[in-house]
Amino acid sequence: MAISPEWLKKPKDLNHVDAALWPANLHRSSHGEFEIGGIGVTDLGAQFGTPLYVIDQDDFFARATRVKNALSAAAESIGTSAKVYYAGKALLTTEVASWIAELGLNLDVASGGELAAALAGGVEPARIGLHGNNKSLSEIGRAVAAGVGAIVIDSEIELERIASTAQAQGRVQPVRLRVNAGVHAHTHEFLATAREDQKFGLARADVPRLVERIRAEKHLKFLGLHSHIGSQIFEAAGFIEAAKRLLAIQAELLKFGDVTELNLGGGFGINYTTADEAPDIESIALKIAEGVAAECAQLGIEVPVLAFEPGRIIVGPTGVTLYTVGTIKDVALSEEGAGAVRKYVSIDGGMSDNARPSLYDAAYTVRLASRSSSAAPALVRVVGKHCESGDIVVRDDYLPADISNNDIVAVAATGAYCSSLSSNYNMLTRPPVVAISQGQARLIVRGETEADLFARDVRYQELLNSQPLNGKD
């Protein structure tokens, strides 16, 4: 058995920066250090500490604009328009929400907290969509009161709750109905969110009856159907198949009223390693649009407004996580034959700041960032400091054989689902988030302190408050 996966090739030049994996404004300087927007990682680490999430804000804006334009152009090519929602679950702060507002994008949220961040960031309520399979009455009430543009109904009881809440507030609430299309996109099992036996969405057979109920509620406005088939998708086929299944239902619904839009969700994939070959968004968007147009022509119905919810494809590649190297150990793999060694490189973070390798067996790319090196490539496993054998950040990659304590390493494509999934496991503090734009680094989420960890610990606070101030009575 090989000690590294087949897809992992030994790099010819470990100092090379692959543009397909790293933010647009990340380069290795003439003296060998990674610079993001012209700022060296050593200076970033000194100012903000490590672990550190860094977002290339200028790249974020460029990617968001490109995705919005690609989806809009694809929709226009088939005679309709597109609503593009940034999926806030990928990464959402009030600062990021303000970027979405500035870019003129819509924003998809999935909790009361995300809704609060969106509103605080200046996103117009009409541009917000609320998701979730178990929205509380409080969350529904806040969304209706704010005037969000759409609430996605995920169960029959939610239909009743939203209708009664809108009635109580004297409002008409636009809604979509999430349908389990039964399409399993080519993705990891745990990321698949449109199969029959899972928590999201409603069965296709129930849709006509539920839409009839929505239309009977004068405080609800039916916008259309919603589907989400998974994540990290590289092909258009799954989107097209889901669209076909929903459009067949839509053709029947149109006999009794308007259905103005079709939401095909998100899930567009990105490159995490050199083995990935994510398609251009323009290519996949056009294929989806053409598939929708062909099916509408077959059914003899008008092409609806198309809605999409990209998140990872916008923010994922713009993010880098910086870590400081701690202990290093070479582990001889005797069962693999003489000379088989894996170098374990421990860093000052771990599964608490990037849970995806543990959750989904996700692969990432790591590079030495604080300097260049002419040393030979060494097979490494980058691991965290948690008391878990599964605390792995990068399972398989190469670093220079002279990797040493206090070096800074960078992990690529961590803008999505790293900060947003972070935790305090083992009472580690969550890292800060820094945005870099036009050569300036700006803190947008401060790093936690131990005081933050204990702020909700009742006994700790009681002990703290009982101590004499500054040691004096």
Protein backbone atom coordinates (compact mmCIF):
# COMPACT_ATOMS: atom_id res chain seq x y z
CA MET A 1 0.00 0.00 0.00
CA ALA A 2 1.34 3.43 -0.94
CA ILE A 3 1.81 5.90 1.90
CA SER A 4 0.42 8.76 -0.19
CA PRO A 5 -2.65 8.92 -2.44
CA GLU A 6 -2.27 8.39 -6.18
CA TRP A 7 -3.37 11.92 -6.98
CA LEU A 8 -0.57 13.51 -4.94
CA LYS A 9 2.47 14.13 -7.11
CA LYS A 10 5.84 15.17 -5.73
CA PRO A 11 6.18 18.86 -6.69
CA LYS A 12 9.10 19.87 -8.87
CA ASP A 13 9.34 23.22 -7.11
CA LEU A 14 7.99 23.64 -3.59
CA ASN A 15 8.44 27.40 -3.85
CA HIS A 16 6.03 27.68 -6.78
CA VAL A 17 2.70 29.41 -6.15
CA ASP A 18 -0.06 27.71 -8.15
CA ALA A 19 -2.54 30.41 -9.19
CA ALA A 20 -5.33 27.80 -9.35
CA LEU A 21 -5.13 27.26 -5.58
CA TRP A 22 -4.14 30.55 -3.97
CA PRO A 23 -5.71 34.04 -3.78
CA ALA A 24 -5.09 36.26 -6.77
CA ASN A 25 -2.97 38.68 -4.78
CA LEU A 26 -0.75 36.14 -3.04
CA HIS A 27 2.82 35.94 -4.34
CA ARG A 28 6.19 34.80 -3.08
CA SER A 29 8.48 37.79 -2.67
CA SER A 30 12.03 38.08 -3.97
CA HIS A 31 13.32 37.05 -0.56
CA GLY A 32 11.07 33.96 -0.50
CA GLU A 33 8.19 34.98 1.78
CA PHE A 34 4.50 34.74 0.96
CA GLU A 35 2.97 38.18 0.56
CA ILE A 36 -0.77 38.78 0.40
CA GLY A 37 -1.64 42.11 -1.13
CA GLY A 38 1.98 43.09 -0.62
CA ILE A 39 2.02 42.26 3.11
CA GLY A 40 4.36 39.53 4.30
CA VAL A 41 3.02 36.64 6.35
CA THR A 42 5.70 37.21 8.99
CA ASP A 43 4.37 40.71 9.61
CA LEU A 44 0.79 39.41 9.62
CA GLY A 45 1.71 36.79 12.19
CA ALA A 46 3.55 39.30 14.33
CA GLN A 47 0.65 41.76 14.29
CA PHE A 48 -2.33 39.43 14.61
CA GLY A 49 -0.88 36.14 15.82
CA THR A 50 -1.43 32.66 14.46
CA PRO A 51 -3.55 30.75 13.62
CA LEU A 52 -4.85 33.51 11.41
CA TYR A 53 -7.55 33.54 8.75
CA VAL A 54 -6.62 35.94 5.96
CA ILE A 55 -9.08 37.03 3.27
CA ASP A 56 -7.90 38.69 0.07
CA GLN A 57 -10.72 41.22 -0.07
CA ASP A 58 -9.86 42.48 -3.53
CA ASP A 59 -9.96 38.91 -4.82
CA PHE A 60 -13.30 38.40 -3.04
CA PHE A 61 -14.77 41.36 -4.89
CA ALA A 62 -13.36 40.17 -8.20
CA ARG A 63 -14.63 36.61 -7.78
CA ALA A 64 -18.06 37.71 -6.57
CA THR A 65 -18.40 40.03 -9.55
CA ARG A 66 -17.30 37.29 -11.93
CA VAL A 67 -19.78 34.78 -10.49
CA LYS A 68 -22.62 37.28 -10.55
CA ASN A 69 -21.85 38.29 -14.14
CA ALA A 70 -21.48 34.68 -15.30
CA LEU A 71 -24.80 33.55 -13.86
CA SER A 72 -26.57 36.68 -15.09
CA ALA A 73 -25.12 36.36 -18.59
CA ALA A 74 -26.09 32.68 -18.76
CA ALA A 75 -29.66 33.53 -17.75
CA GLU A 76 -29.85 36.39 -20.24
CA SER A 77 -28.67 34.05 -23.02
CA ILE A 78 -31.91 32.06 -22.61
CA GLY A 79 -34.16 35.10 -22.28
CA THR A 80 -34.47 35.40 -18.52
CA SER A 81 -32.63 36.92 -15.56
CA ALA A 82 -30.78 35.61 -12.52
CA LYS A 83 -31.02 36.28 -8.81
CA VAL A 84 -27.62 35.60 -7.24
CA TYR A 85 -27.51 35.00 -3.48
CA TYR A 86 -24.21 34.77 -1.63
CA ALA A 87 -24.47 31.75 0.70
CA GLY A 88 -23.65 33.31 4.04
CA LYS A 89 -22.92 30.00 5.74
CA ALA A 90 -19.61 29.84 3.86
CA LEU A 91 -18.31 32.93 5.69
CA LEU A 92 -20.42 35.69 7.17
CA THR A 93 -19.48 38.66 9.33
CA THR A 94 -21.05 42.10 9.33
CA GLU A 95 -18.06 43.26 7.28
CA VAL A 96 -18.59 40.53 4.69
CA ALA A 97 -22.29 41.40 4.63
CA SER A 98 -21.35 45.00 3.83
CA TRP A 99 -19.30 43.73 0.87
CA ILE A 100 -22.34 41.82 -0.39
CA ALA A 101 -24.44 44.96 -0.10
CA GLU A 102 -21.82 46.98 -1.96
CA LEU A 103 -21.65 44.36 -4.72
CA GLY A 104 -25.42 44.38 -5.19
CA LEU A 105 -25.73 40.68 -4.44
CA ASN A 106 -28.52 39.00 -2.54
CA LEU A 107 -27.68 37.13 0.66
CA ASP A 108 -28.80 33.71 1.85
CA VAL A 109 -28.93 33.22 5.63
CA ALA A 110 -29.82 30.16 7.68
CA SER A 111 -30.30 31.37 11.26
CA GLY A 112 -31.32 34.32 13.37
CA GLY A 113 -27.66 35.14 13.95
CA GLU A 114 -26.88 35.19 10.24
CA LEU A 115 -29.95 37.35 9.66
CA ALA A 116 -28.74 39.79 12.31
CA ALA A 117 -25.30 39.93 10.67
CA ALA A 118 -26.84 40.56 7.26
CA LEU A 119 -29.00 43.41 8.51
CA ALA A 120 -26.17 44.94 10.55
CA GLY A 121 -23.99 44.80 7.45
CA GLY A 122 -26.47 46.92 5.53
CA VAL A 123 -28.03 44.30 3.25
CA GLU A 124 -31.49 45.38 2.13
CA PRO A 125 -34.06 43.01 3.68
CA ALA A 126 -35.67 42.45 0.30
CA ARG A 127 -32.35 40.97 -0.88
CA ILE A 128 -32.22 38.40 1.95
CA GLY A 129 -33.43 34.81 1.78
CA LEU A 130 -33.93 32.73 4.94
CA HIS A 131 -33.16 29.01 4.87
CA GLY A 132 -33.20 26.27 7.48
CA ASN A 133 -35.00 23.01 8.18
CA ASN A 134 -36.09 24.00 11.70
CA LYS A 135 -36.64 27.74 11.86
CA SER A 136 -37.82 28.86 15.27
CA LEU A 137 -40.91 31.01 15.69
CA SER A 138 -38.58 33.78 16.82
CA GLU A 139 -36.47 33.52 13.66
CA ILE A 140 -39.55 33.49 11.45
CA GLY A 141 -41.00 36.45 13.30
CA ARG A 142 -37.79 38.46 12.96
CA ALA A 143 -37.52 37.65 9.26
CA VAL A 144 -41.11 38.63 8.52
CA ALA A 145 -40.80 41.81 10.56
CA ALA A 146 -37.60 42.76 8.75
CA GLY A 147 -39.25 42.23 5.37
CA VAL A 148 -36.93 39.58 3.98
CA GLY A 149 -37.43 38.90 0.30
CA ALA A 150 -37.99 35.16 0.66
CA ILE A 151 -38.36 32.47 3.28
CA VAL A 152 -37.71 28.93 2.08
CA ILE A 153 -40.35 26.55 3.41
CA ASP A 154 -38.78 23.25 4.41
CA SER A 155 -41.75 21.47 6.00
CA GLU A 156 -45.53 21.66 6.22
CA ILE A 157 -45.44 22.99 9.76
CA GLU A 158 -43.26 25.88 8.59
CA LEU A 159 -45.90 26.80 6.04
CA GLU A 160 -48.38 27.16 8.88
CA ARG A 161 -45.95 29.07 11.09
CA ILE A 162 -44.94 31.56 8.41
CA ALA A 163 -48.55 32.13 7.36
CA SER A 164 -49.72 32.77 10.92
CA THR A 165 -46.75 35.02 11.66
CA ALA A 166 -47.31 37.08 8.52
CA GLN A 167 -51.00 37.37 9.34
CA ALA A 168 -50.26 38.52 12.89
CA GLN A 169 -47.93 41.19 11.52
CA GLY A 170 -50.26 42.21 8.73
CA ARG A 171 -47.70 41.40 6.05
CA VAL A 172 -47.53 39.36 2.88
CA GLN A 173 -44.45 37.13 3.02
CA PRO A 174 -42.88 35.80 -0.21
CA VAL A 175 -41.90 32.13 0.09
CA ARG A 176 -40.20 29.36 -1.83
CA LEU A 177 -40.79 25.65 -1.37
CA ARG A 178 -37.70 23.46 -0.99
CA VAL A 179 -38.10 20.22 -2.89
CA ASN A 180 -36.03 17.08 -2.46
CA ALA A 181 -35.31 16.46 -6.13
CA GLY A 182 -33.76 13.06 -5.46
CA VAL A 183 -30.59 14.03 -7.32
CA HIS A 184 -27.27 13.05 -5.81
CA ALA A 185 -24.52 15.19 -7.25
CA HIS A 186 -21.01 13.73 -7.48
CA THR A 187 -19.84 14.72 -4.05
CA HIS A 188 -18.99 13.39 -0.58
CA GLU A 189 -21.79 11.42 1.08
CA PHE A 190 -22.05 13.84 4.00
CA LEU A 191 -22.29 16.83 1.65
CA ALA A 192 -25.19 15.45 -0.38
CA THR A 193 -28.31 17.42 0.52
CA ALA A 194 -30.95 16.43 -2.05
CA ARG A 195 -31.41 12.70 -1.61
CA GLU A 196 -34.68 11.09 -0.56
CA ASP A 197 -33.58 9.97 2.92
CA GLN A 198 -32.33 13.18 4.50
CA LYS A 199 -33.53 16.10 6.55
CA PHE A 200 -33.87 18.81 3.92
CA GLY A 201 -36.79 19.54 1.64
CA LEU A 202 -40.16 18.05 0.80
CA ALA A 203 -41.12 15.10 -1.34
CA ARG A 204 -42.02 15.91 -4.93
CA ALA A 205 -45.35 14.14 -4.55
CA ASP A 206 -46.37 16.59 -1.80
CA VAL A 207 -45.58 19.76 -3.76
CA PRO A 208 -48.90 20.34 -5.60
CA ARG A 209 -50.91 20.05 -2.38
CA LEU A 210 -48.58 22.33 -0.44
CA VAL A 211 -48.45 24.95 -3.18
CA GLU A 212 -52.23 24.94 -3.23
CA ARG A 213 -52.18 25.63 0.50
CA ILE A 214 -49.65 28.46 0.04
CA ARG A 215 -51.78 30.04 -2.67
CA ALA A 216 -54.83 29.84 -0.41
CA GLU A 217 -53.04 31.88 2.27
CA LYS A 218 -53.56 35.58 1.54
CA HIS A 219 -50.53 36.46 3.68
CA LEU A 220 -48.18 34.31 1.62
CA LYS A 221 -46.84 34.89 -1.89
CA PHE A 222 -45.55 31.85 -3.76
CA LEU A 223 -42.35 32.58 -5.69
CA GLY A 224 -41.32 29.14 -6.85
CA LEU A 225 -39.49 25.92 -6.09
CA HIS A 226 -36.05 25.47 -4.57
CA SER A 227 -33.49 22.69 -4.89
CA HIS A 228 -29.98 22.13 -3.55
CA ILE A 229 -28.19 19.00 -4.73
CA GLY A 230 -24.93 19.08 -2.78
CA SER A 231 -21.56 20.79 -2.54
CA GLN A 232 -18.18 20.89 -4.28
CA ILE A 233 -19.80 20.07 -7.63
CA PHE A 234 -17.73 20.20 -10.83
CA GLU A 235 -20.37 19.21 -13.40
CA ALA A 236 -23.61 20.73 -14.70
CA ALA A 237 -25.41 17.40 -15.12
CA GLY A 238 -26.74 17.24 -11.54
CA PHE A 239 -28.13 20.78 -11.71
CA ILE A 240 -29.78 20.05 -15.05
CA GLU A 241 -31.38 16.82 -13.83
CA ALA A 242 -32.73 18.57 -10.72
CA ALA A 243 -34.07 21.38 -12.91
CA LYS A 244 -35.84 18.87 -15.16
CA ARG A 245 -37.58 17.26 -12.20
CA LEU A 246 -38.66 20.57 -10.73
CA LEU A 247 -39.73 22.05 -14.05
CA ALA A 248 -42.01 19.07 -14.65
CA ILE A 249 -43.75 19.98 -11.39
CA GLN A 250 -43.66 23.65 -12.29
CA ALA A 251 -45.46 22.96 -15.58
CA GLU A 252 -48.36 21.49 -13.60
CA LEU A 253 -48.34 24.32 -11.05
CA LEU A 254 -48.55 26.91 -13.84
CA LYS A 255 -52.00 25.62 -14.75
CA PHE A 256 -53.35 27.12 -11.53
CA GLY A 257 -51.21 30.22 -10.93
CA ASP A 258 -47.91 32.00 -11.37
CA VAL A 259 -44.53 30.42 -10.70
CA THR A 260 -42.06 33.18 -11.41
CA GLU A 261 -38.74 31.63 -10.48
CA LEU A 262 -36.71 28.47 -10.01
CA ASN A 263 -33.93 28.34 -7.42
CA LEU A 264 -31.25 25.74 -8.17
CA GLY A 265 -29.18 26.45 -5.06
CA GLY A 266 -25.39 26.44 -4.98
CA GLY A 267 -22.59 23.96 -4.52
CA PHE A 268 -20.17 25.05 -7.26
CA GLY A 269 -16.78 23.49 -6.57
CA ILE A 270 -13.29 24.96 -6.25
CA ASN A 271 -9.71 23.69 -6.38
CA TYR A 272 -8.25 22.54 -3.07
CA THR A 273 -5.34 20.54 -4.48
CA THR A 274 -3.52 20.14 -7.78
CA ALA A 275 -5.69 17.09 -8.46
CA ASP A 276 -8.82 19.23 -8.63
CA GLU A 277 -10.00 20.65 -11.95
CA ALA A 278 -12.91 22.91 -11.14
CA PRO A 279 -14.62 24.25 -14.26
CA ASP A 280 -14.92 27.94 -15.04
CA ILE A 281 -18.14 29.36 -13.62
CA GLU A 282 -19.00 30.74 -17.07
CA SER A 283 -18.90 27.25 -18.57
CA ILE A 284 -21.01 25.48 -15.96
CA ALA A 285 -23.49 28.37 -15.74
CA LEU A 286 -24.08 28.34 -19.50
CA LYS A 287 -24.60 24.55 -19.53
CA ILE A 288 -27.16 24.81 -16.73
CA ALA A 289 -28.99 27.62 -18.49
CA GLU A 290 -29.09 25.74 -21.77
CA GLY A 291 -30.41 22.65 -20.00
CA VAL A 292 -33.17 24.69 -18.36
CA ALA A 293 -34.10 26.35 -21.67
CA ALA A 294 -34.27 23.00 -23.48
CA GLU A 295 -36.52 21.50 -20.82
CA CYS A 296 -38.82 24.52 -20.76
CA ALA A 297 -39.15 24.28 -24.55
CA GLN A 298 -39.94 20.58 -24.23
CA LEU A 299 -42.63 21.32 -21.65
CA GLY A 300 -43.95 24.35 -23.51
CA ILE A 301 -43.52 26.72 -20.58
CA GLU A 302 -41.85 30.08 -20.16
CA VAL A 303 -38.30 30.09 -18.79
CA PRO A 304 -38.50 31.27 -15.19
CA VAL A 305 -36.16 33.64 -13.38
CA LEU A 306 -33.22 31.52 -12.21
CA ALA A 307 -31.88 31.89 -8.69
CA PHE A 308 -28.54 30.57 -7.44
CA GLU A 309 -26.77 30.50 -4.08
CA PRO A 310 -22.97 30.43 -4.60
CA GLY A 311 -20.79 30.70 -1.51
CA ARG A 312 -17.66 28.56 -1.56
CA ILE A 313 -16.83 29.54 -5.15
CA ILE A 314 -16.74 33.20 -4.12
CA VAL A 315 -14.96 33.18 -0.78
CA GLY A 316 -13.18 29.82 -0.63
CA PRO A 317 -10.20 30.59 -2.89
CA THR A 318 -9.74 34.06 -1.38
CA GLY A 319 -8.87 32.67 2.04
CA VAL A 320 -5.60 31.43 3.51
CA THR A 321 -4.94 30.19 7.03
CA LEU A 322 -1.52 30.87 8.55
CA TYR A 323 -0.07 28.61 11.23
CA THR A 324 3.17 28.53 13.19
CA VAL A 325 4.98 25.20 13.21
CA GLY A 326 5.63 23.58 16.58
CA THR A 327 6.84 20.04 17.03
CA ILE A 328 8.02 17.87 14.14
CA LYS A 329 8.52 14.13 14.17
CA ASP A 330 9.44 11.55 11.57
CA VAL A 331 7.36 8.39 11.81
CA ALA A 332 8.81 5.28 10.17
CA LEU A 333 6.13 3.20 8.47
CA SER A 334 7.84 -0.17 8.78
CA GLU A 335 5.03 -2.12 7.18
CA GLU A 336 5.49 -0.08 4.01
CA GLY A 337 9.11 -1.09 3.53
CA ALA A 338 12.51 0.35 4.29
CA GLY A 339 12.78 4.11 4.08
CA ALA A 340 9.02 4.77 4.26
CA VAL A 341 8.70 7.81 6.50
CA ARG A 342 5.95 10.31 7.13
CA LYS A 343 6.89 13.63 8.69
CA TYR A 344 4.28 14.85 11.18
CA VAL A 345 4.24 18.64 11.35
CA SER A 346 2.26 20.01 14.29
CA ILE A 347 0.82 23.50 14.06
CA ASP A 348 -0.76 25.86 16.60
CA GLY A 349 -4.34 25.28 15.45
CA GLY A 350 -6.15 22.24 14.18
CA MET A 351 -9.64 20.81 13.82
CA SER A 352 -11.08 23.70 15.85
CA ASP A 353 -10.23 26.14 13.05
CA ASN A 354 -10.66 23.74 10.12
CA ALA A 355 -13.13 20.94 10.80
CA ARG A 356 -13.56 19.88 7.17
CA PRO A 357 -10.78 17.26 7.03
CA SER A 358 -12.26 15.57 10.11
CA LEU A 359 -15.87 15.93 8.97
CA TYR A 360 -15.54 15.18 5.27
CA ASP A 361 -12.02 13.80 4.80
CA ALA A 362 -11.40 17.00 2.83
CA ALA A 363 -7.99 17.48 1.21
CA TYR A 364 -6.02 20.72 1.39
CA THR A 365 -2.73 22.12 0.14
CA VAL A 366 0.00 23.43 2.47
CA ARG A 367 3.17 25.38 1.67
CA LEU A 368 6.04 26.87 3.63
CA ALA A 369 5.15 30.57 3.68
CA SER A 370 7.71 32.44 5.78
CA ARG A 371 10.66 31.58 3.56
CA SER A 372 11.66 29.69 0.45
CA SER A 373 13.70 26.51 0.61
CA SER A 374 15.92 24.46 -1.67
CA ALA A 375 15.55 21.33 0.49
CA ALA A 376 14.13 18.15 -0.98
CA PRO A 377 10.37 17.55 -0.71
CA ALA A 378 9.29 15.53 2.33
CA LEU A 379 5.94 13.79 2.61
CA VAL A 380 4.10 15.43 5.50
CA ARG A 381 0.92 15.27 7.48
CA VAL A 382 0.00 18.58 9.06
CA VAL A 383 -1.74 17.99 12.36
CA GLY A 384 -3.25 20.13 15.07
CA LYS A 385 -2.74 20.34 18.82
CA HIS A 386 -6.03 18.76 19.90
CA CYS A 387 -6.29 15.53 21.87
CA GLU A 388 -7.69 13.66 18.89
CA SER A 389 -5.91 11.28 16.54
CA GLY A 390 -8.19 12.58 13.79
CA ASP A 391 -7.01 16.15 14.32
CA ILE A 392 -5.56 16.49 10.83
CA VAL A 393 -5.50 19.71 8.81
CA VAL A 394 -3.63 18.46 5.73
CA ARG A 395 -3.54 14.67 5.44
CA ASP A 396 -1.12 14.36 2.52
CA ASP A 397 1.22 16.91 0.98
CA TYR A 398 4.88 17.85 0.63
CA LEU A 399 6.91 20.44 2.52
CA PRO A 400 10.65 21.06 2.39
CA ALA A 401 12.62 18.52 4.41
CA ASP A 402 14.13 21.39 6.41
CA ILE A 403 10.73 22.53 7.76
CA SER A 404 11.41 23.65 11.32
CA ASN A 405 9.95 25.02 14.51
CA ASN A 406 8.61 28.61 14.22
CA ASP A 407 8.26 28.46 10.44
CA ILE A 408 4.95 29.80 9.18
CA VAL A 409 2.98 27.55 6.86
CA ALA A 410 -0.07 28.52 4.81
CA VAL A 411 -3.06 26.35 3.91
CA ALA A 412 -4.85 27.31 0.71
CA ALA A 413 -8.56 27.77 -0.03
CA THR A 414 -9.75 28.13 3.55
CA GLY A 415 -12.09 31.08 3.02
CA ALA A 416 -15.21 28.92 3.13
CA TYR A 417 -16.43 26.76 6.02
CA CYS A 418 -13.35 27.19 8.20
CA SER A 419 -14.04 30.24 10.32
CA SER A 420 -17.77 29.54 10.13
CA LEU A 421 -17.28 25.97 11.46
CA SER A 422 -14.68 26.90 14.06
CA SER A 423 -15.08 25.80 17.67
CA ASN A 424 -13.50 26.01 21.11
CA TYR A 425 -12.70 22.32 21.42
CA ASN A 426 -10.05 21.74 24.10
CA MET A 427 -10.73 25.36 25.03
CA LEU A 428 -8.69 26.71 22.16
CA THR A 429 -9.55 30.26 21.22
CA ARG A 430 -10.94 30.91 17.75
CA PRO A 431 -8.58 32.78 15.40
CA PRO A 432 -9.00 36.34 14.16
CA VAL A 433 -10.09 37.13 10.62
CA VAL A 434 -8.12 39.75 8.70
CA ALA A 435 -9.09 41.28 5.36
CA ILE A 436 -6.41 42.67 3.07
CA SER A 437 -7.27 45.30 0.48
CA GLN A 438 -5.04 47.66 -1.47
CA GLY A 439 -2.02 46.86 0.66
CA GLN A 440 -3.79 47.36 3.99
CA ALA A 441 -4.58 44.64 6.53
CA ARG A 442 -7.69 45.21 8.59
CA LEU A 443 -9.05 43.14 11.47
CA ILE A 444 -12.69 42.23 10.79
CA VAL A 445 -13.14 39.64 13.54
CA ARG A 446 -10.84 39.82 16.56
CA GLY A 447 -9.28 36.67 17.90
CA GLU A 448 -10.78 35.25 21.05
CA THR A 449 -9.01 35.48 24.40
CA GLU A 450 -9.21 33.17 27.39
CA ALA A 451 -11.42 35.78 28.98
CA ASP A 452 -13.86 35.23 26.11
CA LEU A 453 -13.78 31.50 26.78
CA PHE A 454 -14.88 32.02 30.37
CA ALA A 455 -17.33 34.87 29.77
CA ARG A 456 -20.25 32.41 29.88
CA ASP A 457 -18.82 30.17 32.58
CA VAL A 458 -20.98 30.98 35.60
CA ARG A 459 -18.69 29.68 38.33
CA TYR A 460 -15.65 31.34 36.80
CA GLN A 461 -17.45 34.68 36.70
CA GLU A 462 -18.64 34.25 40.28
CA LEU A 463 -15.08 33.56 41.40
CA LEU A 464 -13.79 36.47 39.35
CA ASN A 465 -16.34 38.86 40.83
CA SER A 466 -15.63 37.68 44.37
CA GLN A 467 -11.92 38.47 44.17
CA PRO A 468 -10.77 41.80 45.60
CA LEU A 469 -10.05 44.34 42.90
CA ASN A 470 -6.31 44.45 42.15
CA GLY A 471 -5.71 42.23 45.17
CA LYS A 472 -6.99 44.90 47.61
CA ASP A 473 -10.12 45.05 49.74
